[in-house]
Structure formats: structure tokens, C-alpha cells
Amino acid sequence: MGDVVSVFSIKIRRDLKEKMERYRDKVNWAEEVRRFIEEKIRLLEAEENFRAILSELERVSWSVSKGFSTESVREDRDSG
């Protein structure tokens, strides 16, 4: 079964509508607007997810044992 669709309408200035009419044979305006909205929502959701991840990372207790960095560097040097 196909996706359920809804109608979304906007008001624009008359001069803008006239310009859109002039290029209607070159531009599918409905598709352009649909793509813009989908991309904007994708970006907003990504930002929301990023903020949630950052918030989670801020709550995590990060600790490294004393000397870990020095030991890791020496180990890396010795293995090469």
C-alpha cells in the first residue's frame, strides 16, 4: 500500500507566484518544496540526535588510570 499523503499549502507574494509560473516547465515546484522540507527535517533530527548523544556523554564518568597515557605511548613506540 502506498504512503498516505496530506496537502500542505502556503501563501506567497503574487510576484513570486508569477515568476514561478514563468518557470513551471523547467521546475517541479512541488517536488522542490517537498525535497527542501525533507532535508530540513533530516537536518533537524540529526541535530536533535547529536544533542542527545552529547548530553549522554556528559553524564558518563570518564576516568583513565594514572600512567595510562605514558604506558600506551611507550607500548606503541616499542611495537613499531
PDB file of N, CA and C in Angstrom:
ATOM      1  N   MET A   1       0.850  -1.183   0.000  1.00  0.00           N
ATOM      2  CA  MET A   1       0.000   0.000   0.000  1.00  0.00           C
ATOM      3  C   MET A   1       0.890   1.238   0.000  1.00  0.00           C
ATOM      4  N   GLY A   2       0.525   2.284  -0.744  1.00  0.00           N
ATOM      5  CA  GLY A   2       1.328   3.496  -0.859  1.00  0.00           C
ATOM      6  C   GLY A   2       1.258   4.355   0.393  1.00  0.00           C
ATOM      7  N   ASP A   3       2.146   5.330   0.432  1.00  0.00           N
ATOM      8  CA  ASP A   3       2.162   6.272   1.550  1.00  0.00           C
ATOM      9  C   ASP A   3       0.909   7.130   1.542  1.00  0.00           C
ATOM     10  N   VAL A   4       0.416   7.419   2.721  1.00  0.00           N
ATOM     11  CA  VAL A   4      -0.704   8.337   2.867  1.00  0.00           C
ATOM     12  C   VAL A   4      -0.144   9.736   2.700  1.00  0.00           C
ATOM     13  N   VAL A   5      -0.796  10.570   1.915  1.00  0.00           N
ATOM     14  CA  VAL A   5      -0.304  11.925   1.676  1.00  0.00           C
ATOM     15  C   VAL A   5      -1.271  12.945   2.252  1.00  0.00           C
ATOM     16  N   SER A   6      -0.734  14.101   2.577  1.00  0.00           N
ATOM     17  CA  SER A   6      -1.530  15.223   3.048  1.00  0.00           C
ATOM     18  C   SER A   6      -1.212  16.425   2.184  1.00  0.00           C
ATOM     19  N   VAL A   7      -2.143  17.342   2.121  1.00  0.00           N
ATOM     20  CA  VAL A   7      -1.934  18.573   1.369  1.00  0.00           C
ATOM     21  C   VAL A   7      -1.388  19.629   2.314  1.00  0.00           C
ATOM     22  N   PHE A   8      -0.370  20.346   1.842  1.00  0.00           N
ATOM     23  CA  PHE A   8       0.243  21.432   2.598  1.00  0.00           C
ATOM     24  C   PHE A   8       0.247  22.642   1.677  1.00  0.00           C
ATOM     25  N   SER A   9      -0.323  23.726   2.122  1.00  0.00           N
ATOM     26  CA  SER A   9      -0.349  24.914   1.259  1.00  0.00           C
ATOM     27  C   SER A   9       0.286  26.091   1.984  1.00  0.00           C
ATOM     28  N   ILE A  10       0.825  27.014   1.195  1.00  0.00           N
ATOM     29  CA  ILE A  10       1.461  28.207   1.741  1.00  0.00           C
ATOM     30  C   ILE A  10       0.993  29.431   0.959  1.00  0.00           C
ATOM     31  N   LYS A  11       1.139  30.576   1.578  1.00  0.00           N
ATOM     32  CA  LYS A  11       0.855  31.830   0.897  1.00  0.00           C
ATOM     33  C   LYS A  11       2.174  32.465   0.510  1.00  0.00           C
ATOM     34  N   ILE A  12       2.256  32.922  -0.739  1.00  0.00           N
ATOM     35  CA  ILE A  12       3.442  33.611  -1.214  1.00  0.00           C
ATOM     36  C   ILE A  12       3.018  34.901  -1.913  1.00  0.00           C
ATOM     37  N   ARG A  13       3.984  35.801  -2.056  1.00  0.00           N
ATOM     38  CA  ARG A  13       3.680  37.063  -2.748  1.00  0.00           C
ATOM     39  C   ARG A  13       3.266  36.781  -4.187  1.00  0.00           C
ATOM     40  N   ARG A  14       2.406  37.608  -4.704  1.00  0.00           N
ATOM     41  CA  ARG A  14       1.900  37.436  -6.069  1.00  0.00           C
ATOM     42  C   ARG A  14       3.039  37.459  -7.090  1.00  0.00           C
ATOM     43  N   ASP A  15       3.998  38.382  -6.930  1.00  0.00           N
ATOM     44  CA  ASP A  15       5.094  38.467  -7.896  1.00  0.00           C
ATOM     45  C   ASP A  15       5.933  37.187  -7.906  1.00  0.00           C
ATOM     46  N   LEU A  16       6.107  36.578  -6.750  1.00  0.00           N
ATOM     47  CA  LEU A  16       6.841  35.325  -6.675  1.00  0.00           C
ATOM     48  C   LEU A  16       6.077  34.211  -7.399  1.00  0.00           C
ATOM     49  N   LYS A  17       4.780  34.169  -7.205  1.00  0.00           N
ATOM     50  CA  LYS A  17       3.939  33.177  -7.885  1.00  0.00           C
ATOM     51  C   LYS A  17       4.033  33.343  -9.400  1.00  0.00           C
ATOM     52  N   GLU A  18       4.036  34.582  -9.850  1.00  0.00           N
ATOM     53  CA  GLU A  18       4.150  34.851 -11.295  1.00  0.00           C
ATOM     54  C   GLU A  18       5.494  34.369 -11.838  1.00  0.00           C
ATOM     55  N   LYS A  19       6.537  34.584 -11.078  1.00  0.00           N
ATOM     56  CA  LYS A  19       7.854  34.112 -11.503  1.00  0.00           C
ATOM     57  C   LYS A  19       7.901  32.583 -11.521  1.00  0.00           C
ATOM     58  N   MET A  20       7.265  31.965 -10.546  1.00  0.00           N
ATOM     59  CA  MET A  20       7.209  30.502 -10.530  1.00  0.00           C
ATOM     60  C   MET A  20       6.475  29.990 -11.762  1.00  0.00           C
ATOM     61  N   GLU A  21       5.385  30.639 -12.127  1.00  0.00           N
ATOM     62  CA  GLU A  21       4.616  30.249 -13.321  1.00  0.00           C
ATOM     63  C   GLU A  21       5.481  30.330 -14.577  1.00  0.00           C
ATOM     64  N   ARG A  22       6.331  31.348 -14.623  1.00  0.00           N
ATOM     65  CA  ARG A  22       7.181  31.550 -15.798  1.00  0.00           C
ATOM     66  C   ARG A  22       8.130  30.351 -15.982  1.00  0.00           C
ATOM     67  N   TYR A  23       8.536  29.694 -14.884  1.00  0.00           N
ATOM     68  CA  TYR A  23       9.486  28.587 -14.974  1.00  0.00           C
ATOM     69  C   TYR A  23       8.860  27.226 -14.692  1.00  0.00           C
ATOM     70  N   ARG A  24       7.544  27.133 -14.733  1.00  0.00           N
ATOM     71  CA  ARG A  24       6.899  25.868 -14.371  1.00  0.00           C
ATOM     72  C   ARG A  24       7.242  24.728 -15.322  1.00  0.00           C
ATOM     73  N   ASP A  25       7.636  25.038 -16.554  1.00  0.00           N
ATOM     74  CA  ASP A  25       8.028  23.973 -17.486  1.00  0.00           C
ATOM     75  C   ASP A  25       9.443  23.464 -17.193  1.00  0.00           C
ATOM     76  N   LYS A  26      10.213  24.198 -16.379  1.00  0.00           N
ATOM     77  CA  LYS A  26      11.585  23.807 -16.047  1.00  0.00           C
ATOM     78  C   LYS A  26      11.732  23.306 -14.615  1.00  0.00           C
ATOM     79  N   VAL A  27      10.785  23.661 -13.754  1.00  0.00           N
ATOM     80  CA  VAL A  27      10.907  23.320 -12.339  1.00  0.00           C
ATOM     81  C   VAL A  27       9.616  22.699 -11.838  1.00  0.00           C
ATOM     82  N   ASN A  28       9.750  21.562 -11.165  1.00  0.00           N
ATOM     83  CA  ASN A  28       8.613  20.954 -10.494  1.00  0.00           C
ATOM     84  C   ASN A  28       8.600  21.535  -9.081  1.00  0.00           C
ATOM     85  N   TRP A  29       7.852  22.615  -8.887  1.00  0.00           N
ATOM     86  CA  TRP A  29       7.891  23.345  -7.625  1.00  0.00           C
ATOM     87  C   TRP A  29       7.453  22.497  -6.444  1.00  0.00           C
ATOM     88  N   ALA A  30       6.462  21.661  -6.643  1.00  0.00           N
ATOM     89  CA  ALA A  30       6.000  20.804  -5.546  1.00  0.00           C
ATOM     90  C   ALA A  30       7.122  19.868  -5.098  1.00  0.00           C
ATOM     91  N   GLU A  31       7.839  19.300  -6.058  1.00  0.00           N
ATOM     92  CA  GLU A  31       8.937  18.399  -5.722  1.00  0.00           C
ATOM     93  C   GLU A  31      10.084  19.151  -5.045  1.00  0.00           C
ATOM     94  N   GLU A  32      10.382  20.345  -5.504  1.00  0.00           N
ATOM     95  CA  GLU A  32      11.432  21.161  -4.888  1.00  0.00           C
ATOM     96  C   GLU A  32      11.100  21.468  -3.425  1.00  0.00           C
ATOM     97  N   VAL A  33       9.869  21.854  -3.175  1.00  0.00           N
ATOM     98  CA  VAL A  33       9.452  22.174  -1.810  1.00  0.00           C
ATOM     99  C   VAL A  33       9.471  20.912  -0.946  1.00  0.00           C
ATOM    100  N   ARG A  34       8.997  19.806  -1.508  1.00  0.00           N
ATOM    101  CA  ARG A  34       8.990  18.535  -0.787  1.00  0.00           C
ATOM    102  C   ARG A  34      10.414  18.134  -0.389  1.00  0.00           C
ATOM    103  N   ARG A  35      11.353  18.244  -1.327  1.00  0.00           N
ATOM    104  CA  ARG A  35      12.750  17.898  -1.035  1.00  0.00           C
ATOM    105  C   ARG A  35      13.343  18.815   0.026  1.00  0.00           C
ATOM    106  N   PHE A  36      13.032  20.111  -0.067  1.00  0.00           N
ATOM    107  CA  PHE A  36      13.535  21.056   0.919  1.00  0.00           C
ATOM    108  C   PHE A  36      13.044  20.695   2.317  1.00  0.00           C
ATOM    109  N   ILE A  37      11.751  20.408   2.430  1.00  0.00           N
ATOM    110  CA  ILE A  37      11.172  20.067   3.734  1.00  0.00           C
ATOM    111  C   ILE A  37      11.784  18.785   4.277  1.00  0.00           C
ATOM    112  N   GLU A  38      11.928  17.772   3.425  1.00  0.00           N
ATOM    113  CA  GLU A  38      12.525  16.508   3.868  1.00  0.00           C
ATOM    114  C   GLU A  38      13.951  16.719   4.350  1.00  0.00           C
ATOM    115  N   GLU A  39      14.737  17.503   3.621  1.00  0.00           N
ATOM    116  CA  GLU A  39      16.121  17.761   4.011  1.00  0.00           C
ATOM    117  C   GLU A  39      16.186  18.560   5.311  1.00  0.00           C
ATOM    118  N   LYS A  40      15.328  19.554   5.452  1.00  0.00           N
ATOM    119  CA  LYS A  40      15.310  20.359   6.668  1.00  0.00           C
ATOM    120  C   LYS A  40      14.974  19.493   7.876  1.00  0.00           C
ATOM    121  N   ILE A  41      13.995  18.624   7.734  1.00  0.00           N
ATOM    122  CA  ILE A  41      13.622  17.720   8.824  1.00  0.00           C
ATOM    123  C   ILE A  41      14.761  16.762   9.136  1.00  0.00           C
ATOM    124  N   ARG A  42      15.428  16.250   8.097  1.00  0.00           N
ATOM    125  CA  ARG A  42      16.567  15.352   8.309  1.00  0.00           C
ATOM    126  C   ARG A  42      17.663  16.057   9.110  1.00  0.00           C
ATOM    127  N   LEU A  43      17.951  17.303   8.766  1.00  0.00           N
ATOM    128  CA  LEU A  43      18.974  18.070   9.487  1.00  0.00           C
ATOM    129  C   LEU A  43      18.557  18.357  10.927  1.00  0.00           C
ATOM    130  N   LEU A  44      17.306  18.714  11.134  1.00  0.00           N
ATOM    131  CA  LEU A  44      16.824  18.982  12.487  1.00  0.00           C
ATOM    132  C   LEU A  44      16.866  17.731  13.353  1.00  0.00           C
ATOM    133  N   GLU A  45      16.490  16.590  12.777  1.00  0.00           N
ATOM    134  CA  GLU A  45      16.546  15.334  13.527  1.00  0.00           C
ATOM    135  C   GLU A  45      17.983  14.944  13.847  1.00  0.00           C
ATOM    136  N   ALA A  46      18.892  15.168  12.894  1.00  0.00           N
ATOM    137  CA  ALA A  46      20.303  14.869  13.133  1.00  0.00           C
ATOM    138  C   ALA A  46      20.841  15.745  14.259  1.00  0.00           C
ATOM    139  N   GLU A  47      20.479  17.022  14.249  1.00  0.00           N
ATOM    140  CA  GLU A  47      20.908  17.932  15.309  1.00  0.00           C
ATOM    141  C   GLU A  47      20.352  17.491  16.664  1.00  0.00           C
ATOM    142  N   GLU A  48      19.097  17.101  16.662  1.00  0.00           N
ATOM    143  CA  GLU A  48      18.456  16.622  17.888  1.00  0.00           C
ATOM    144  C   GLU A  48      19.163  15.367  18.410  1.00  0.00           C
ATOM    145  N   ASN A  49      19.477  14.444  17.521  1.00  0.00           N
ATOM    146  CA  ASN A  49      20.183  13.220  17.913  1.00  0.00           C
ATOM    147  C   ASN A  49      21.585  13.535  18.428  1.00  0.00           C
ATOM    148  N   PHE A  50      22.262  14.464  17.755  1.00  0.00           N
ATOM    149  CA  PHE A  50      23.602  14.864  18.173  1.00  0.00           C
ATOM    150  C   PHE A  50      23.576  15.445  19.585  1.00  0.00           C
ATOM    151  N   ARG A  51      22.595  16.310  19.845  1.00  0.00           N
ATOM    152  CA  ARG A  51      22.479  16.913  21.178  1.00  0.00           C
ATOM    153  C   ARG A  51      22.176  15.847  22.239  1.00  0.00           C
ATOM    154  N   ALA A  52      21.358  14.875  21.888  1.00  0.00           N
ATOM    155  CA  ALA A  52      21.042  13.802  22.836  1.00  0.00           C
ATOM    156  C   ALA A  52      22.289  12.977  23.147  1.00  0.00           C
ATOM    157  N   ILE A  53      23.090  12.699  22.121  1.00  0.00           N
ATOM    158  CA  ILE A  53      24.326  11.942  22.326  1.00  0.00           C
ATOM    159  C   ILE A  53      25.295  12.742  23.186  1.00  0.00           C
ATOM    160  N   LEU A  54      25.448  14.033  22.898  1.00  0.00           N
ATOM    161  CA  LEU A  54      26.328  14.875  23.708  1.00  0.00           C
ATOM    162  C   LEU A  54      25.876  14.900  25.165  1.00  0.00           C
ATOM    163  N   SER A  55      24.576  15.013  25.358  1.00  0.00           N
ATOM    164  CA  SER A  55      24.040  15.029  26.711  1.00  0.00           C
ATOM    165  C   SER A  55      24.354  13.728  27.434  1.00  0.00           C
ATOM    166  N   GLU A  56      24.224  12.625  26.736  1.00  0.00           N
ATOM    167  CA  GLU A  56      24.527  11.318  27.324  1.00  0.00           C
ATOM    168  C   GLU A  56      26.015  11.209  27.652  1.00  0.00           C
ATOM    169  N   LEU A  57      26.861  11.686  26.760  1.00  0.00           N
ATOM    170  CA  LEU A  57      28.304  11.626  27.001  1.00  0.00           C
ATOM    171  C   LEU A  57      28.713  12.495  28.182  1.00  0.00           C
ATOM    172  N   GLU A  58      28.029  13.608  28.374  1.00  0.00           N
ATOM    173  CA  GLU A  58      28.342  14.479  29.506  1.00  0.00           C
ATOM    174  C   GLU A  58      27.994  13.826  30.842  1.00  0.00           C
ATOM    175  N   ARG A  59      27.026  12.926  30.830  1.00  0.00           N
ATOM    176  CA  ARG A  59      26.630  12.236  32.063  1.00  0.00           C
ATOM    177  C   ARG A  59      27.541  11.068  32.409  1.00  0.00           C
ATOM    178  N   VAL A  60      28.275  10.571  31.430  1.00  0.00           N
ATOM    179  CA  VAL A  60      29.145   9.421  31.642  1.00  0.00           C
ATOM    180  C   VAL A  60      30.392   9.863  32.397  1.00  0.00           C
ATOM    181  N   SER A  61      30.794   9.055  33.325  1.00  0.00           N
ATOM    182  CA  SER A  61      32.009   9.336  34.092  1.00  0.00           C
ATOM    183  C   SER A  61      33.204   8.742  33.348  1.00  0.00           C
ATOM    184  N   TRP A  62      34.081   9.616  32.911  1.00  0.00           N
ATOM    185  CA  TRP A  62      35.262   9.175  32.174  1.00  0.00           C
ATOM    186  C   TRP A  62      36.467   9.224  33.104  1.00  0.00           C
ATOM    187  N   SER A  63      37.163   8.115  33.215  1.00  0.00           N
ATOM    188  CA  SER A  63      38.379   8.114  34.020  1.00  0.00           C
ATOM    189  C   SER A  63      39.394   7.172  33.393  1.00  0.00           C
ATOM    190  N   VAL A  64      40.647   7.576  33.505  1.00  0.00           N
ATOM    191  CA  VAL A  64      41.749   6.786  32.982  1.00  0.00           C
ATOM    192  C   VAL A  64      42.750   6.634  34.122  1.00  0.00           C
ATOM    193  N   SER A  65      43.242   5.437  34.267  1.00  0.00           N
ATOM    194  CA  SER A  65      44.179   5.201  35.365  1.00  0.00           C
ATOM    195  C   SER A  65      45.458   6.007  35.177  1.00  0.00           C
ATOM    196  N   LYS A  66      46.076   6.358  36.282  1.00  0.00           N
ATOM    197  CA  LYS A  66      47.305   7.149  36.262  1.00  0.00           C
ATOM    198  C   LYS A  66      48.401   6.384  35.512  1.00  0.00           C
ATOM    199  N   GLY A  67      49.061   7.065  34.609  1.00  0.00           N
ATOM    200  CA  GLY A  67      50.138   6.460  33.834  1.00  0.00           C
ATOM    201  C   GLY A  67      49.669   5.760  32.572  1.00  0.00           C
ATOM    202  N   PHE A  68      48.376   5.702  32.324  1.00  0.00           N
ATOM    203  CA  PHE A  68      47.846   5.007  31.150  1.00  0.00           C
ATOM    204  C   PHE A  68      48.391   5.599  29.861  1.00  0.00           C
ATOM    205  N   SER A  69      48.367   6.924  29.751  1.00  0.00           N
ATOM    206  CA  SER A  69      48.822   7.581  28.523  1.00  0.00           C
ATOM    207  C   SER A  69      50.292   7.296  28.264  1.00  0.00           C
ATOM    208  N   THR A  70      51.109   7.458  29.282  1.00  0.00           N
ATOM    209  CA  THR A  70      52.548   7.220  29.143  1.00  0.00           C
ATOM    210  C   THR A  70      52.810   5.776  28.740  1.00  0.00           C
ATOM    211  N   GLU A  71      52.132   4.865  29.411  1.00  0.00           N
ATOM    212  CA  GLU A  71      52.299   3.440  29.106  1.00  0.00           C
ATOM    213  C   GLU A  71      51.857   3.127  27.682  1.00  0.00           C
ATOM    214  N   SER A  72      50.780   3.722  27.250  1.00  0.00           N
ATOM    215  CA  SER A  72      50.266   3.475  25.908  1.00  0.00           C
ATOM    216  C   SER A  72      51.223   3.995  24.840  1.00  0.00           C
ATOM    217  N   VAL A  73      51.792   5.172  25.069  1.00  0.00           N
ATOM    218  CA  VAL A  73      52.753   5.739  24.114  1.00  0.00           C
ATOM    219  C   VAL A  73      53.997   4.860  24.023  1.00  0.00           C
ATOM    220  N   ARG A  74      54.511   4.435  25.174  1.00  0.00           N
ATOM    221  CA  ARG A  74      55.704   3.560  25.181  1.00  0.00           C
ATOM    222  C   ARG A  74      55.416   2.248  24.461  1.00  0.00           C
ATOM    223  N   GLU A  75      54.255   1.679  24.733  1.00  0.00           N
ATOM    224  CA  GLU A  75      53.873   0.421  24.100  1.00  0.00           C
ATOM    225  C   GLU A  75      53.791   0.571  22.589  1.00  0.00           C
ATOM    226  N   ASP A  76      53.238   1.707  22.149  1.00  0.00           N
ATOM    227  CA  ASP A  76      53.114   1.971  20.718  1.00  0.00           C
ATOM    228  C   ASP A  76      54.497   2.136  20.079  1.00  0.00           C
ATOM    229  N   ARG A  77      55.391   2.846  20.746  1.00  0.00           N
ATOM    230  CA  ARG A  77      56.747   3.049  20.228  1.00  0.00           C
ATOM    231  C   ARG A  77      57.488   1.725  20.132  1.00  0.00           C
ATOM    232  N   ASP A  78      57.348   0.897  21.145  1.00  0.00           N
ATOM    233  CA  ASP A  78      58.052  -0.374  21.190  1.00  0.00           C
ATOM    234  C   ASP A  78      57.541  -1.375  20.141  1.00  0.00           C
ATOM    235  N   SER A  79      56.304  -1.239  19.738  1.00  0.00           N
ATOM    236  CA  SER A  79      55.736  -2.202  18.785  1.00  0.00           C
ATOM    237  C   SER A  79      56.108  -1.859  17.339  1.00  0.00           C
ATOM    238  N   GLY A  80      56.639  -0.651  17.117  1.00  0.00           N
ATOM    239  CA  GLY A  80      56.912  -0.209  15.743  1.00  0.00           C
ATOM    240  C   GLY A  80      58.265  -0.493  15.323  1.00  0.00           C
TER     241      GLY A  80
END
